Amino acid sequence: MKLPLKLRRRNYPNILKGLAAIGLIGIFVSSIPDMQKRMSKLDQIRDRASVINTEQEMTKLEKERLIERSKVADKLYETGCNTIVVSPNDPSKFATLVQGQSVINPTTRQILPAGLSICTDKGEAAVLVDNGMGVPVVGDIYTTQNFGLVKKALAMHGINAQSGDGKVGGANAQIKH
């Protein structure tokens, strides 16, 4: 039997190339779902890298913000806190500042005026501000990391926080409940 002209031996290389091309196309088409999974994984990795980068940037900004706030607290302690705040329940203990709370003179029971700087033995410092209704309250709270300044401010008010005797002596303000 004689083969048609197109299938004779001299056309075998072209026929083999065509079959190879069809095979490669088949392999490519069958690998498309796998490629889609890989692309999806690459997108997930890219998204995660973006999130990590954003988190690192936020951490850096938070550190810078804390440093700036610490500098404000240092300045308040350096200029001398107007008063050291003690607990309203037990005047022999120091208080923790709470933004928005009033601070009173424990002797006169009067609210301290706006503009005074107040501090604690824990390094917290704030300025009393008007709350918009004519009542002075604790404003933004800043925290120093320089406890040498805290000791100096306590000593300036006649307080020896290291004595362990439970007396806070020169503290002259309480958080109002």
C-alpha atoms as a PDB file:
ATOM      1  CA  MET A   1       0.000   0.000   0.000  1.00  0.00           C
ATOM      2  CA  LYS A   2       1.281   3.314  -0.982  1.00  0.00           C
ATOM      3  CA  LEU A   3       0.939   6.173   1.554  1.00  0.00           C
ATOM      4  CA  PRO A   4      -0.446   9.487   0.498  1.00  0.00           C
ATOM      5  CA  LEU A   5       2.146  11.998  -0.536  1.00  0.00           C
ATOM      6  CA  LYS A   6       1.859  14.045   2.654  1.00  0.00           C
ATOM      7  CA  LEU A   7       2.638  11.096   4.946  1.00  0.00           C
ATOM      8  CA  ARG A   8       5.795   9.970   3.217  1.00  0.00           C
ATOM      9  CA  ARG A   9       9.109   9.793   5.050  1.00  0.00           C
ATOM     10  CA  ARG A  10      10.280  13.266   4.227  1.00  0.00           C
ATOM     11  CA  ASN A  11       7.284  14.669   6.147  1.00  0.00           C
ATOM     12  CA  TYR A  12       7.951  12.603   9.308  1.00  0.00           C
ATOM     13  CA  PRO A  13       9.912  15.387  11.037  1.00  0.00           C
ATOM     14  CA  ASN A  14       7.024  17.817  10.538  1.00  0.00           C
ATOM     15  CA  ILE A  15       4.517  15.238  11.761  1.00  0.00           C
ATOM     16  CA  LEU A  16       6.642  14.549  14.867  1.00  0.00           C
ATOM     17  CA  LYS A  17       6.963  18.283  15.552  1.00  0.00           C
ATOM     18  CA  GLY A  18       3.194  18.647  15.291  1.00  0.00           C
ATOM     19  CA  LEU A  19       2.565  15.747  17.669  1.00  0.00           C
ATOM     20  CA  ALA A  20       5.123  17.163  20.122  1.00  0.00           C
ATOM     21  CA  ALA A  21       3.417  20.570  19.949  1.00  0.00           C
ATOM     22  CA  ILE A  22       0.009  18.980  20.610  1.00  0.00           C
ATOM     23  CA  GLY A  23       1.519  17.075  23.569  1.00  0.00           C
ATOM     24  CA  LEU A  24       3.069  20.246  25.006  1.00  0.00           C
ATOM     25  CA  ILE A  25      -0.209  22.117  24.624  1.00  0.00           C
ATOM     26  CA  GLY A  26      -1.968  19.276  26.449  1.00  0.00           C
ATOM     27  CA  ILE A  27       0.547  19.361  29.282  1.00  0.00           C
ATOM     28  CA  PHE A  28       0.250  23.164  29.503  1.00  0.00           C
ATOM     29  CA  VAL A  29      -3.564  23.053  29.579  1.00  0.00           C
ATOM     30  CA  SER A  30      -3.540  20.327  32.245  1.00  0.00           C
ATOM     31  CA  SER A  31      -1.155  22.388  34.431  1.00  0.00           C
ATOM     32  CA  ILE A  32      -3.300  25.557  34.386  1.00  0.00           C
ATOM     33  CA  PRO A  33      -5.151  24.660  37.640  1.00  0.00           C
ATOM     34  CA  ASP A  34      -1.789  24.018  39.342  1.00  0.00           C
ATOM     35  CA  MET A  35      -0.495  27.349  38.064  1.00  0.00           C
ATOM     36  CA  GLN A  36      -3.582  29.066  39.445  1.00  0.00           C
ATOM     37  CA  LYS A  37      -2.894  27.538  42.872  1.00  0.00           C
ATOM     38  CA  ARG A  38       0.708  28.707  42.699  1.00  0.00           C
ATOM     39  CA  MET A  39      -0.364  32.217  41.697  1.00  0.00           C
ATOM     40  CA  SER A  40      -2.854  32.229  44.551  1.00  0.00           C
ATOM     41  CA  LYS A  41      -0.125  31.171  46.986  1.00  0.00           C
ATOM     42  CA  LEU A  42       2.172  33.877  45.627  1.00  0.00           C
ATOM     43  CA  ASP A  43      -0.593  36.441  46.141  1.00  0.00           C
ATOM     44  CA  GLN A  44      -1.042  35.218  49.727  1.00  0.00           C
ATOM     45  CA  ILE A  45       2.683  35.462  50.373  1.00  0.00           C
ATOM     46  CA  ARG A  46       2.767  38.962  48.862  1.00  0.00           C
ATOM     47  CA  ASP A  47      -0.225  40.016  51.008  1.00  0.00           C
ATOM     48  CA  ARG A  48       1.377  38.599  54.168  1.00  0.00           C
ATOM     49  CA  ALA A  49       4.633  40.403  53.393  1.00  0.00           C
ATOM     50  CA  SER A  50       2.657  43.617  52.998  1.00  0.00           C
ATOM     51  CA  VAL A  51       0.934  43.068  56.362  1.00  0.00           C
ATOM     52  CA  ILE A  52       4.264  42.373  58.071  1.00  0.00           C
ATOM     53  CA  ASN A  53       5.745  45.518  56.527  1.00  0.00           C
ATOM     54  CA  THR A  54       2.749  47.545  57.730  1.00  0.00           C
ATOM     55  CA  GLU A  55       3.034  46.069  61.237  1.00  0.00           C
ATOM     56  CA  GLN A  56       6.736  46.893  61.368  1.00  0.00           C
ATOM     57  CA  GLU A  57       6.016  50.449  60.249  1.00  0.00           C
ATOM     58  CA  MET A  58       3.294  50.801  62.898  1.00  0.00           C
ATOM     59  CA  THR A  59       5.650  49.437  65.570  1.00  0.00           C
ATOM     60  CA  LYS A  60       8.283  51.952  64.524  1.00  0.00           C
ATOM     61  CA  LEU A  61       5.743  54.805  64.642  1.00  0.00           C
ATOM     62  CA  GLU A  62       4.494  53.619  68.052  1.00  0.00           C
ATOM     63  CA  LYS A  63       8.055  53.617  69.396  1.00  0.00           C
ATOM     64  CA  GLU A  64       8.593  57.136  68.074  1.00  0.00           C
ATOM     65  CA  ARG A  65       5.299  58.237  69.639  1.00  0.00           C
ATOM     66  CA  LEU A  66       6.275  56.733  73.008  1.00  0.00           C
ATOM     67  CA  ILE A  67       9.644  58.478  72.880  1.00  0.00           C
ATOM     68  CA  GLU A  68       7.946  61.820  72.180  1.00  0.00           C
ATOM     69  CA  ARG A  69       5.440  61.269  74.995  1.00  0.00           C
ATOM     70  CA  SER A  70       8.283  60.301  77.335  1.00  0.00           C
ATOM     71  CA  LYS A  71      10.021  63.585  76.495  1.00  0.00           C
ATOM     72  CA  VAL A  72       6.865  65.488  77.497  1.00  0.00           C
ATOM     73  CA  ALA A  73       6.770  63.613  80.818  1.00  0.00           C
ATOM     74  CA  ASP A  74      10.466  64.344  81.363  1.00  0.00           C
ATOM     75  CA  LYS A  75       9.776  68.036  80.815  1.00  0.00           C
ATOM     76  CA  LEU A  76       6.908  68.002  83.343  1.00  0.00           C
ATOM     77  CA  TYR A  77       9.097  66.280  85.937  1.00  0.00           C
ATOM     78  CA  GLU A  78      12.074  68.570  85.192  1.00  0.00           C
ATOM     79  CA  THR A  79      10.023  71.738  85.631  1.00  0.00           C
ATOM     80  CA  GLY A  80       8.700  70.381  88.922  1.00  0.00           C
ATOM     81  CA  CYS A  81       5.345  68.771  89.292  1.00  0.00           C
ATOM     82  CA  ASN A  82       2.890  71.038  91.076  1.00  0.00           C
ATOM     83  CA  THR A  83       1.583  68.107  93.075  1.00  0.00           C
ATOM     84  CA  ILE A  84       2.000  64.380  93.632  1.00  0.00           C
ATOM     85  CA  VAL A  85      -1.271  62.444  93.528  1.00  0.00           C
ATOM     86  CA  VAL A  86      -2.270  59.883  96.183  1.00  0.00           C
ATOM     87  CA  SER A  87      -5.037  57.318  96.349  1.00  0.00           C
ATOM     88  CA  PRO A  88      -8.483  58.593  97.377  1.00  0.00           C
ATOM     89  CA  ASN A  89      -9.110  55.442  99.419  1.00  0.00           C
ATOM     90  CA  ASP A  90      -5.795  55.383 101.249  1.00  0.00           C
ATOM     91  CA  PRO A  91      -3.792  58.617 101.398  1.00  0.00           C
ATOM     92  CA  SER A  92      -0.730  56.629 102.445  1.00  0.00           C
ATOM     93  CA  LYS A  93      -0.575  55.137  98.934  1.00  0.00           C
ATOM     94  CA  PHE A  94       0.109  56.698  95.580  1.00  0.00           C
ATOM     95  CA  ALA A  95      -2.559  56.880  92.875  1.00  0.00           C
ATOM     96  CA  THR A  96      -2.604  56.028  89.214  1.00  0.00           C
ATOM     97  CA  LEU A  97      -3.697  58.829  86.912  1.00  0.00           C
ATOM     98  CA  VAL A  98      -6.894  58.318  84.949  1.00  0.00           C
ATOM     99  CA  GLN A  99      -7.617  60.618  82.045  1.00  0.00           C
ATOM    100  CA  GLY A 100     -10.800  62.626  82.570  1.00  0.00           C
ATOM    101  CA  GLN A 101     -10.860  62.383  86.367  1.00  0.00           C
ATOM    102  CA  SER A 102     -10.766  65.403  88.632  1.00  0.00           C
ATOM    103  CA  VAL A 103      -8.039  65.820  91.236  1.00  0.00           C
ATOM    104  CA  ILE A 104      -8.814  67.337  94.634  1.00  0.00           C
ATOM    105  CA  ASN A 105      -6.925  68.849  97.513  1.00  0.00           C
ATOM    106  CA  PRO A 106      -7.570  66.317 100.325  1.00  0.00           C
ATOM    107  CA  THR A 107      -7.626  69.018 102.995  1.00  0.00           C
ATOM    108  CA  THR A 108     -10.028  71.520 101.394  1.00  0.00           C
ATOM    109  CA  ARG A 109     -11.845  68.960  99.175  1.00  0.00           C
ATOM    110  CA  GLN A 110     -11.613  71.521  96.349  1.00  0.00           C
ATOM    111  CA  ILE A 111     -10.885  70.486  92.776  1.00  0.00           C
ATOM    112  CA  LEU A 112      -7.434  71.613  91.685  1.00  0.00           C
ATOM    113  CA  PRO A 113      -7.420  74.271  88.937  1.00  0.00           C
ATOM    114  CA  ALA A 114      -6.625  73.667  85.276  1.00  0.00           C
ATOM    115  CA  GLY A 115      -3.023  74.234  84.250  1.00  0.00           C
ATOM    116  CA  LEU A 116      -1.398  72.450  87.194  1.00  0.00           C
ATOM    117  CA  SER A 117       0.983  69.622  86.413  1.00  0.00           C
ATOM    118  CA  ILE A 118       0.396  66.476  88.427  1.00  0.00           C
ATOM    119  CA  CYS A 119       2.632  63.448  88.809  1.00  0.00           C
ATOM    120  CA  THR A 120       2.793  60.013  90.412  1.00  0.00           C
ATOM    121  CA  ASP A 121       5.538  57.863  91.849  1.00  0.00           C
ATOM    122  CA  LYS A 122       5.237  55.581  88.803  1.00  0.00           C
ATOM    123  CA  GLY A 123       6.469  58.156  86.296  1.00  0.00           C
ATOM    124  CA  GLU A 124       3.034  59.295  85.113  1.00  0.00           C
ATOM    125  CA  ALA A 125       2.585  63.004  84.504  1.00  0.00           C
ATOM    126  CA  ALA A 126      -0.280  65.098  83.185  1.00  0.00           C
ATOM    127  CA  VAL A 127      -1.617  68.613  83.116  1.00  0.00           C
ATOM    128  CA  LEU A 128      -5.078  69.398  84.431  1.00  0.00           C
ATOM    129  CA  VAL A 129      -7.280  70.695  81.605  1.00  0.00           C
ATOM    130  CA  ASP A 130     -10.816  72.041  81.394  1.00  0.00           C
ATOM    131  CA  ASN A 131     -13.235  69.300  80.323  1.00  0.00           C
ATOM    132  CA  GLY A 132     -15.439  71.740  78.414  1.00  0.00           C
ATOM    133  CA  MET A 133     -17.911  72.081  81.288  1.00  0.00           C
ATOM    134  CA  GLY A 134     -15.676  74.196  83.489  1.00  0.00           C
ATOM    135  CA  VAL A 135     -14.290  71.272  85.489  1.00  0.00           C
ATOM    136  CA  PRO A 136     -10.528  70.687  85.507  1.00  0.00           C
ATOM    137  CA  VAL A 137      -9.663  67.038  84.799  1.00  0.00           C
ATOM    138  CA  VAL A 138      -6.574  64.968  84.061  1.00  0.00           C
ATOM    139  CA  GLY A 139      -5.569  65.552  80.438  1.00  0.00           C
ATOM    140  CA  ASP A 140      -3.265  63.404  78.325  1.00  0.00           C
ATOM    141  CA  ILE A 141      -1.093  61.164  80.481  1.00  0.00           C
ATOM    142  CA  TYR A 142       2.604  60.932  79.710  1.00  0.00           C
ATOM    143  CA  THR A 143       5.049  58.433  81.202  1.00  0.00           C
ATOM    144  CA  THR A 144       8.730  59.026  81.774  1.00  0.00           C
ATOM    145  CA  GLN A 145      11.341  56.298  81.672  1.00  0.00           C
ATOM    146  CA  ASN A 146      13.765  58.438  83.685  1.00  0.00           C
ATOM    147  CA  PHE A 147      13.076  57.463  87.281  1.00  0.00           C
ATOM    148  CA  GLY A 148      15.863  59.730  88.463  1.00  0.00           C
ATOM    149  CA  LEU A 149      13.521  62.609  87.578  1.00  0.00           C
ATOM    150  CA  VAL A 150      10.691  60.906  89.486  1.00  0.00           C
ATOM    151  CA  LYS A 151      12.863  60.563  92.612  1.00  0.00           C
ATOM    152  CA  LYS A 152      13.892  64.195  92.321  1.00  0.00           C
ATOM    153  CA  ALA A 153      10.248  65.347  92.055  1.00  0.00           C
ATOM    154  CA  LEU A 154       9.235  63.186  95.015  1.00  0.00           C
ATOM    155  CA  ALA A 155      12.130  64.565  97.069  1.00  0.00           C
ATOM    156  CA  MET A 156      11.134  68.109  96.102  1.00  0.00           C
ATOM    157  CA  HIS A 157       7.730  67.410  97.699  1.00  0.00           C
ATOM    158  CA  GLY A 158       9.320  65.853 100.795  1.00  0.00           C
ATOM    159  CA  ILE A 159       8.428  62.284  99.840  1.00  0.00           C
ATOM    160  CA  ASN A 160      10.835  59.414 100.345  1.00  0.00           C
ATOM    161  CA  ALA A 161       9.245  56.666  98.286  1.00  0.00           C
ATOM    162  CA  GLN A 162      12.034  54.263  99.257  1.00  0.00           C
ATOM    163  CA  SER A 163      11.517  54.601 103.023  1.00  0.00           C
ATOM    164  CA  GLY A 164       8.868  51.879 103.162  1.00  0.00           C
ATOM    165  CA  ASP A 165       7.101  53.549 106.051  1.00  0.00           C
ATOM    166  CA  GLY A 166       3.844  53.988 104.115  1.00  0.00           C
ATOM    167  CA  LYS A 167       3.904  57.771 104.502  1.00  0.00           C
ATOM    168  CA  VAL A 168       3.650  59.935 101.434  1.00  0.00           C
ATOM    169  CA  GLY A 169       4.227  63.144 103.327  1.00  0.00           C
ATOM    170  CA  GLY A 170       4.258  65.976 100.812  1.00  0.00           C
ATOM    171  CA  ALA A 171       1.677  64.495  98.458  1.00  0.00           C
ATOM    172  CA  ASN A 172      -1.114  67.007  98.373  1.00  0.00           C
ATOM    173  CA  ALA A 173      -3.753  65.806  95.941  1.00  0.00           C
ATOM    174  CA  GLN A 174      -6.115  62.880  95.491  1.00  0.00           C
ATOM    175  CA  ILE A 175      -8.000  61.449  92.542  1.00  0.00           C
ATOM    176  CA  LYS A 176     -11.671  62.316  92.992  1.00  0.00           C
ATOM    177  CA  HIS A 177     -14.144  59.430  92.851  1.00  0.00           C
END
